[in-house]
PDB file of N, CA and C in Angstrom:
ATOM      1  N   UNK A   1      17.175  -9.441 -19.842  1.00  0.00           N
ATOM      2  CA  UNK A   1      16.941  -9.183 -18.422  1.00  0.00           C
ATOM      3  C   UNK A   1      16.452 -10.506 -17.792  1.00  0.00           C
ATOM      4  N   UNK A   2      17.068 -10.890 -16.714  1.00  0.00           N
ATOM      5  CA  UNK A   2      16.645 -12.157 -16.112  1.00  0.00           C
ATOM      6  C   UNK A   2      15.532 -11.929 -15.096  1.00  0.00           C
ATOM      7  N   UNK A   3      14.917 -13.023 -14.638  1.00  0.00           N
ATOM      8  CA  UNK A   3      13.766 -12.929 -13.724  1.00  0.00           C
ATOM      9  C   UNK A   3      14.118 -12.327 -12.391  1.00  0.00           C
ATOM     10  N   UNK A   4      15.335 -12.509 -11.917  1.00  0.00           N
ATOM     11  CA  UNK A   4      15.730 -12.000 -10.618  1.00  0.00           C
ATOM     12  C   UNK A   4      15.718 -10.468 -10.594  1.00  0.00           C
ATOM     13  N   UNK A   5      16.155  -9.840 -11.674  1.00  0.00           N
ATOM     14  CA  UNK A   5      16.135  -8.399 -11.763  1.00  0.00           C
ATOM     15  C   UNK A   5      14.709  -7.840 -11.778  1.00  0.00           C
ATOM     16  N   UNK A   6      13.827  -8.522 -12.433  1.00  0.00           N
ATOM     17  CA  UNK A   6      12.426  -8.113 -12.453  1.00  0.00           C
ATOM     18  C   UNK A   6      11.831  -8.250 -11.063  1.00  0.00           C
ATOM     19  N   UNK A   7      12.120  -9.347 -10.348  1.00  0.00           N
ATOM     20  CA  UNK A   7      11.592  -9.600  -9.024  1.00  0.00           C
ATOM     21  C   UNK A   7      12.031  -8.593  -7.983  1.00  0.00           C
ATOM     22  N   UNK A   8      13.279  -8.134  -8.053  1.00  0.00           N
ATOM     23  CA  UNK A   8      13.787  -7.197  -7.079  1.00  0.00           C
ATOM     24  C   UNK A   8      13.036  -5.849  -7.209  1.00  0.00           C
ATOM     25  N   UNK A   9      12.654  -5.466  -8.377  1.00  0.00           N
ATOM     26  CA  UNK A   9      11.927  -4.228  -8.582  1.00  0.00           C
ATOM     27  C   UNK A   9      10.500  -4.261  -8.048  1.00  0.00           C
ATOM     28  N   UNK A  10       9.980  -5.443  -7.770  1.00  0.00           N
ATOM     29  CA  UNK A  10       8.614  -5.551  -7.287  1.00  0.00           C
ATOM     30  C   UNK A  10       8.445  -4.997  -5.874  1.00  0.00           C
ATOM     31  N   UNK A  11       9.439  -5.112  -5.030  1.00  0.00           N
ATOM     32  CA  UNK A  11       9.317  -4.694  -3.637  1.00  0.00           C
ATOM     33  C   UNK A  11       9.125  -3.178  -3.533  1.00  0.00           C
ATOM     34  N   UNK A  12       9.975  -2.344  -4.150  1.00  0.00           N
ATOM     35  CA  UNK A  12       9.708  -0.914  -4.084  1.00  0.00           C
ATOM     36  C   UNK A  12       8.387  -0.536  -4.767  1.00  0.00           C
ATOM     37  N   UNK A  13       8.045  -1.238  -5.850  1.00  0.00           N
ATOM     38  CA  UNK A  13       6.779  -0.971  -6.512  1.00  0.00           C
ATOM     39  C   UNK A  13       5.597  -1.332  -5.592  1.00  0.00           C
ATOM     40  N   UNK A  14       5.690  -2.435  -4.886  1.00  0.00           N
ATOM     41  CA  UNK A  14       4.634  -2.802  -3.961  1.00  0.00           C
ATOM     42  C   UNK A  14       4.474  -1.790  -2.836  1.00  0.00           C
ATOM     43  N   UNK A  15       5.601  -1.308  -2.311  1.00  0.00           N
ATOM     44  CA  UNK A  15       5.529  -0.249  -1.282  1.00  0.00           C
ATOM     45  C   UNK A  15       4.873   1.004  -1.828  1.00  0.00           C
ATOM     46  N   UNK A  16       5.235   1.380  -3.050  1.00  0.00           N
ATOM     47  CA  UNK A  16       4.671   2.578  -3.660  1.00  0.00           C
ATOM     48  C   UNK A  16       3.179   2.426  -3.892  1.00  0.00           C
ATOM     49  N   UNK A  17       2.738   1.270  -4.332  1.00  0.00           N
ATOM     50  CA  UNK A  17       1.332   1.037  -4.568  1.00  0.00           C
ATOM     51  C   UNK A  17       0.571   1.043  -3.238  1.00  0.00           C
ATOM     52  N   UNK A  18       1.125   0.430  -2.216  1.00  0.00           N
ATOM     53  CA  UNK A  18       0.450   0.453  -0.913  1.00  0.00           C
ATOM     54  C   UNK A  18       0.301   1.856  -0.357  1.00  0.00           C
ATOM     55  N   UNK A  19       1.320   2.656  -0.504  1.00  0.00           N
ATOM     56  CA  UNK A  19       1.245   4.068  -0.056  1.00  0.00           C
ATOM     57  C   UNK A  19       0.269   4.863  -0.912  1.00  0.00           C
ATOM     58  N   UNK A  20       0.254   4.581  -2.214  1.00  0.00           N
ATOM     59  CA  UNK A  20      -0.705   5.267  -3.091  1.00  0.00           C
ATOM     60  C   UNK A  20      -2.143   4.927  -2.732  1.00  0.00           C
ATOM     61  N   UNK A  21      -2.387   3.660  -2.378  1.00  0.00           N
ATOM     62  CA  UNK A  21      -3.737   3.275  -1.956  1.00  0.00           C
ATOM     63  C   UNK A  21      -4.106   3.988  -0.658  1.00  0.00           C
ATOM     64  N   UNK A  22      -3.156   4.111   0.258  1.00  0.00           N
ATOM     65  CA  UNK A  22      -3.438   4.865   1.498  1.00  0.00           C
ATOM     66  C   UNK A  22      -3.774   6.320   1.195  1.00  0.00           C
ATOM     67  N   UNK A  23      -3.009   6.938   0.307  1.00  0.00           N
ATOM     68  CA  UNK A  23      -3.272   8.336  -0.047  1.00  0.00           C
ATOM     69  C   UNK A  23      -4.664   8.499  -0.649  1.00  0.00           C
ATOM     70  N   UNK A  24      -5.057   7.603  -1.508  1.00  0.00           N
ATOM     71  CA  UNK A  24      -6.393   7.659  -2.112  1.00  0.00           C
ATOM     72  C   UNK A  24      -7.452   7.468  -1.031  1.00  0.00           C
ATOM     73  N   UNK A  25      -7.249   6.476  -0.168  1.00  0.00           N
ATOM     74  CA  UNK A  25      -8.221   6.226   0.910  1.00  0.00           C
ATOM     75  C   UNK A  25      -8.348   7.425   1.835  1.00  0.00           C
ATOM     76  N   UNK A  26      -7.233   8.004   2.219  1.00  0.00           N
ATOM     77  CA  UNK A  26      -7.249   9.055   3.221  1.00  0.00           C
ATOM     78  C   UNK A  26      -7.742  10.383   2.651  1.00  0.00           C
ATOM     79  N   UNK A  27      -7.223  10.764   1.503  1.00  0.00           N
ATOM     80  CA  UNK A  27      -7.555  12.105   0.977  1.00  0.00           C
ATOM     81  C   UNK A  27      -8.787  12.105   0.058  1.00  0.00           C
ATOM     82  N   UNK A  28      -8.903  11.143  -0.835  1.00  0.00           N
ATOM     83  CA  UNK A  28     -10.008  11.160  -1.794  1.00  0.00           C
ATOM     84  C   UNK A  28     -11.301  10.637  -1.155  1.00  0.00           C
ATOM     85  N   UNK A  29     -11.247   9.426  -0.626  1.00  0.00           N
ATOM     86  CA  UNK A  29     -12.424   8.839  -0.036  1.00  0.00           C
ATOM     87  C   UNK A  29     -12.823   9.643   1.223  1.00  0.00           C
ATOM     88  N   UNK A  30     -11.840  10.092   1.996  1.00  0.00           N
ATOM     89  CA  UNK A  30     -12.111  10.879   3.172  1.00  0.00           C
ATOM     90  C   UNK A  30     -12.787  12.202   2.856  1.00  0.00           C
ATOM     91  N   UNK A  31     -12.487  12.762   1.696  1.00  0.00           N
ATOM     92  CA  UNK A  31     -13.110  14.023   1.307  1.00  0.00           C
ATOM     93  C   UNK A  31     -14.534  13.838   0.820  1.00  0.00           C
ATOM     94  N   UNK A  32     -14.828  12.666   0.296  1.00  0.00           N
ATOM     95  CA  UNK A  32     -16.144  12.411  -0.293  1.00  0.00           C
ATOM     96  C   UNK A  32     -17.109  11.826   0.719  1.00  0.00           C
ATOM     97  N   UNK A  33     -16.666  10.919   1.539  1.00  0.00           N
ATOM     98  CA  UNK A  33     -17.563  10.149   2.415  1.00  0.00           C
ATOM     99  C   UNK A  33     -17.399  10.613   3.877  1.00  0.00           C
ATOM    100  N   UNK A  34     -18.498  10.969   4.502  1.00  0.00           N
ATOM    101  CA  UNK A  34     -18.448  11.486   5.877  1.00  0.00           C
ATOM    102  C   UNK A  34     -17.994  10.420   6.867  1.00  0.00           C
ATOM    103  N   UNK A  35     -18.456   9.195   6.687  1.00  0.00           N
ATOM    104  CA  UNK A  35     -18.025   8.125   7.599  1.00  0.00           C
ATOM    105  C   UNK A  35     -16.547   7.868   7.549  1.00  0.00           C
ATOM    106  N   UNK A  36     -15.950   8.033   6.402  1.00  0.00           N
ATOM    107  CA  UNK A  36     -14.503   7.880   6.257  1.00  0.00           C
ATOM    108  C   UNK A  36     -13.746   8.941   7.026  1.00  0.00           C
ATOM    109  N   UNK A  37     -14.256  10.172   6.992  1.00  0.00           N
ATOM    110  CA  UNK A  37     -13.617  11.255   7.719  1.00  0.00           C
ATOM    111  C   UNK A  37     -13.657  10.984   9.222  1.00  0.00           C
ATOM    112  N   UNK A  38     -14.787  10.517   9.721  1.00  0.00           N
ATOM    113  CA  UNK A  38     -14.916  10.223  11.141  1.00  0.00           C
ATOM    114  C   UNK A  38     -13.976   9.076  11.550  1.00  0.00           C
ATOM    115  N   UNK A  39     -13.871   8.079  10.692  1.00  0.00           N
ATOM    116  CA  UNK A  39     -13.011   6.943  10.985  1.00  0.00           C
ATOM    117  C   UNK A  39     -11.547   7.368  11.024  1.00  0.00           C
ATOM    118  N   UNK A  40     -11.145   8.257  10.121  1.00  0.00           N
ATOM    119  CA  UNK A  40      -9.737   8.695  10.103  1.00  0.00           C
ATOM    120  C   UNK A  40      -9.409   9.537  11.334  1.00  0.00           C
ATOM    121  N   UNK A  41     -10.403  10.129  11.962  1.00  0.00           N
ATOM    122  CA  UNK A  41     -10.163  10.882  13.185  1.00  0.00           C
ATOM    123  C   UNK A  41     -10.018   9.941  14.373  1.00  0.00           C
ATOM    124  N   UNK A  42     -10.662   8.793  14.314  1.00  0.00           N
ATOM    125  CA  UNK A  42     -10.594   7.829  15.428  1.00  0.00           C
ATOM    126  C   UNK A  42      -9.297   7.000  15.385  1.00  0.00           C
ATOM    127  N   UNK A  43      -8.939   6.551  14.197  1.00  0.00           N
ATOM    128  CA  UNK A  43      -7.769   5.693  14.052  1.00  0.00           C
ATOM    129  C   UNK A  43      -6.500   6.511  13.825  1.00  0.00           C
ATOM    130  N   UNK A  44      -5.397   6.045  14.357  1.00  0.00           N
ATOM    131  CA  UNK A  44      -4.131   6.766  14.119  1.00  0.00           C
ATOM    132  C   UNK A  44      -3.762   6.697  12.645  1.00  0.00           C
ATOM    133  N   UNK A  45      -3.495   7.814  12.066  1.00  0.00           N
ATOM    134  CA  UNK A  45      -3.172   7.891  10.620  1.00  0.00           C
ATOM    135  C   UNK A  45      -1.860   7.161  10.336  1.00  0.00           C
ATOM    136  N   UNK A  46      -0.890   7.287  11.215  1.00  0.00           N
ATOM    137  CA  UNK A  46       0.408   6.649  10.987  1.00  0.00           C
ATOM    138  C   UNK A  46       0.257   5.125  10.918  1.00  0.00           C
ATOM    139  N   UNK A  47      -0.666   4.574  11.722  1.00  0.00           N
ATOM    140  CA  UNK A  47      -0.854   3.123  11.698  1.00  0.00           C
ATOM    141  C   UNK A  47      -1.446   2.661  10.355  1.00  0.00           C
ATOM    142  N   UNK A  48      -2.403   3.427   9.857  1.00  0.00           N
ATOM    143  CA  UNK A  48      -2.999   3.093   8.561  1.00  0.00           C
ATOM    144  C   UNK A  48      -1.949   3.183   7.456  1.00  0.00           C
ATOM    145  N   UNK A  49      -1.099   4.206   7.527  1.00  0.00           N
ATOM    146  CA  UNK A  49      -0.042   4.350   6.534  1.00  0.00           C
ATOM    147  C   UNK A  49       0.857   3.133   6.506  1.00  0.00           C
ATOM    148  N   UNK A  50       1.343   2.711   7.683  1.00  0.00           N
ATOM    149  CA  UNK A  50       2.265   1.567   7.732  1.00  0.00           C
ATOM    150  C   UNK A  50       1.555   0.256   7.384  1.00  0.00           C
ATOM    151  N   UNK A  51       0.287   0.101   7.728  1.00  0.00           N
ATOM    152  CA  UNK A  51      -0.418  -1.112   7.332  1.00  0.00           C
ATOM    153  C   UNK A  51      -0.601  -1.194   5.823  1.00  0.00           C
ATOM    154  N   UNK A  52      -0.871  -0.079   5.152  1.00  0.00           N
ATOM    155  CA  UNK A  52      -0.969  -0.100   3.718  1.00  0.00           C
ATOM    156  C   UNK A  52       0.387  -0.394   3.073  1.00  0.00           C
ATOM    157  N   UNK A  53       1.467   0.188   3.625  1.00  0.00           N
ATOM    158  CA  UNK A  53       2.794  -0.092   3.116  1.00  0.00           C
ATOM    159  C   UNK A  53       3.153  -1.559   3.339  1.00  0.00           C
ATOM    160  N   UNK A  54       2.756  -2.141   4.473  1.00  0.00           N
ATOM    161  CA  UNK A  54       3.005  -3.555   4.742  1.00  0.00           C
ATOM    162  C   UNK A  54       2.246  -4.431   3.763  1.00  0.00           C
ATOM    163  N   UNK A  55       1.006  -4.058   3.466  1.00  0.00           N
ATOM    164  CA  UNK A  55       0.223  -4.789   2.470  1.00  0.00           C
ATOM    165  C   UNK A  55       0.933  -4.802   1.113  1.00  0.00           C
ATOM    166  N   UNK A  56       1.410  -3.634   0.702  1.00  0.00           N
ATOM    167  CA  UNK A  56       2.130  -3.565  -0.591  1.00  0.00           C
ATOM    168  C   UNK A  56       3.405  -4.396  -0.564  1.00  0.00           C
ATOM    169  N   UNK A  57       4.124  -4.387   0.553  1.00  0.00           N
ATOM    170  CA  UNK A  57       5.361  -5.157   0.673  1.00  0.00           C
ATOM    171  C   UNK A  57       5.082  -6.662   0.583  1.00  0.00           C
ATOM    172  N   UNK A  58       4.078  -7.120   1.342  1.00  0.00           N
ATOM    173  CA  UNK A  58       3.738  -8.549   1.334  1.00  0.00           C
ATOM    174  C   UNK A  58       3.262  -8.987  -0.056  1.00  0.00           C
ATOM    175  N   UNK A  59       2.467  -8.138  -0.681  1.00  0.00           N
ATOM    176  CA  UNK A  59       2.007  -8.476  -2.041  1.00  0.00           C
ATOM    177  C   UNK A  59       3.180  -8.595  -3.007  1.00  0.00           C
ATOM    178  N   UNK A  60       4.144  -7.712  -2.867  1.00  0.00           N
ATOM    179  CA  UNK A  60       5.320  -7.761  -3.742  1.00  0.00           C
ATOM    180  C   UNK A  60       6.170  -8.995  -3.470  1.00  0.00           C
ATOM    181  N   UNK A  61       6.332  -9.355  -2.226  1.00  0.00           N
ATOM    182  CA  UNK A  61       7.145 -10.535  -1.887  1.00  0.00           C
ATOM    183  C   UNK A  61       6.466 -11.792  -2.413  1.00  0.00           C
ATOM    184  N   UNK A  62       5.150 -11.882  -2.286  1.00  0.00           N
ATOM    185  CA  UNK A  62       4.420 -13.038  -2.807  1.00  0.00           C
ATOM    186  C   UNK A  62       4.524 -13.078  -4.336  1.00  0.00           C
ATOM    187  N   UNK A  63       4.406 -11.936  -4.989  1.00  0.00           N
ATOM    188  CA  UNK A  63       4.547 -11.910  -6.459  1.00  0.00           C
ATOM    189  C   UNK A  63       5.949 -12.312  -6.879  1.00  0.00           C
ATOM    190  N   UNK A  64       6.943 -11.851  -6.113  1.00  0.00           N
ATOM    191  CA  UNK A  64       8.331 -12.215  -6.431  1.00  0.00           C
ATOM    192  C   UNK A  64       8.519 -13.704  -6.242  1.00  0.00           C
ATOM    193  N   UNK A  65       7.939 -14.302  -5.222  1.00  0.00           N
ATOM    194  CA  UNK A  65       8.059 -15.741  -5.020  1.00  0.00           C
ATOM    195  C   UNK A  65       7.373 -16.524  -6.122  1.00  0.00           C
ATOM    196  N   UNK A  66       6.273 -16.005  -6.630  1.00  0.00           N
ATOM    197  CA  UNK A  66       5.564 -16.731  -7.719  1.00  0.00           C
ATOM    198  C   UNK A  66       6.320 -16.636  -9.017  1.00  0.00           C
ATOM    199  N   UNK A  67       7.042 -15.540  -9.233  1.00  0.00           N
ATOM    200  CA  UNK A  67       7.802 -15.390 -10.466  1.00  0.00           C
ATOM    201  C   UNK A  67       9.027 -16.291 -10.465  1.00  0.00           C
ATOM    202  N   UNK A  68       9.693 -16.385  -9.320  1.00  0.00           N
ATOM    203  CA  UNK A  68      10.955 -17.134  -9.252  1.00  0.00           C
ATOM    204  C   UNK A  68      10.754 -18.615  -9.375  1.00  0.00           C
TER     205      UNK A  68
END
């Protein structure tokens, strides 16, 4: 398996990790911590979702650039 095939798989994995982090933040931390619940009511949930997905995407692209 060459390095290019490994690098291409990083982008979907980065998106999945970013979305997983959002799910943990929103559901787990929000259920435990009262301040987190209040913050999720103030901020648009869709924006947080896309920002976490963007974080995962950028992390994957940087990792792919470092591997290549």
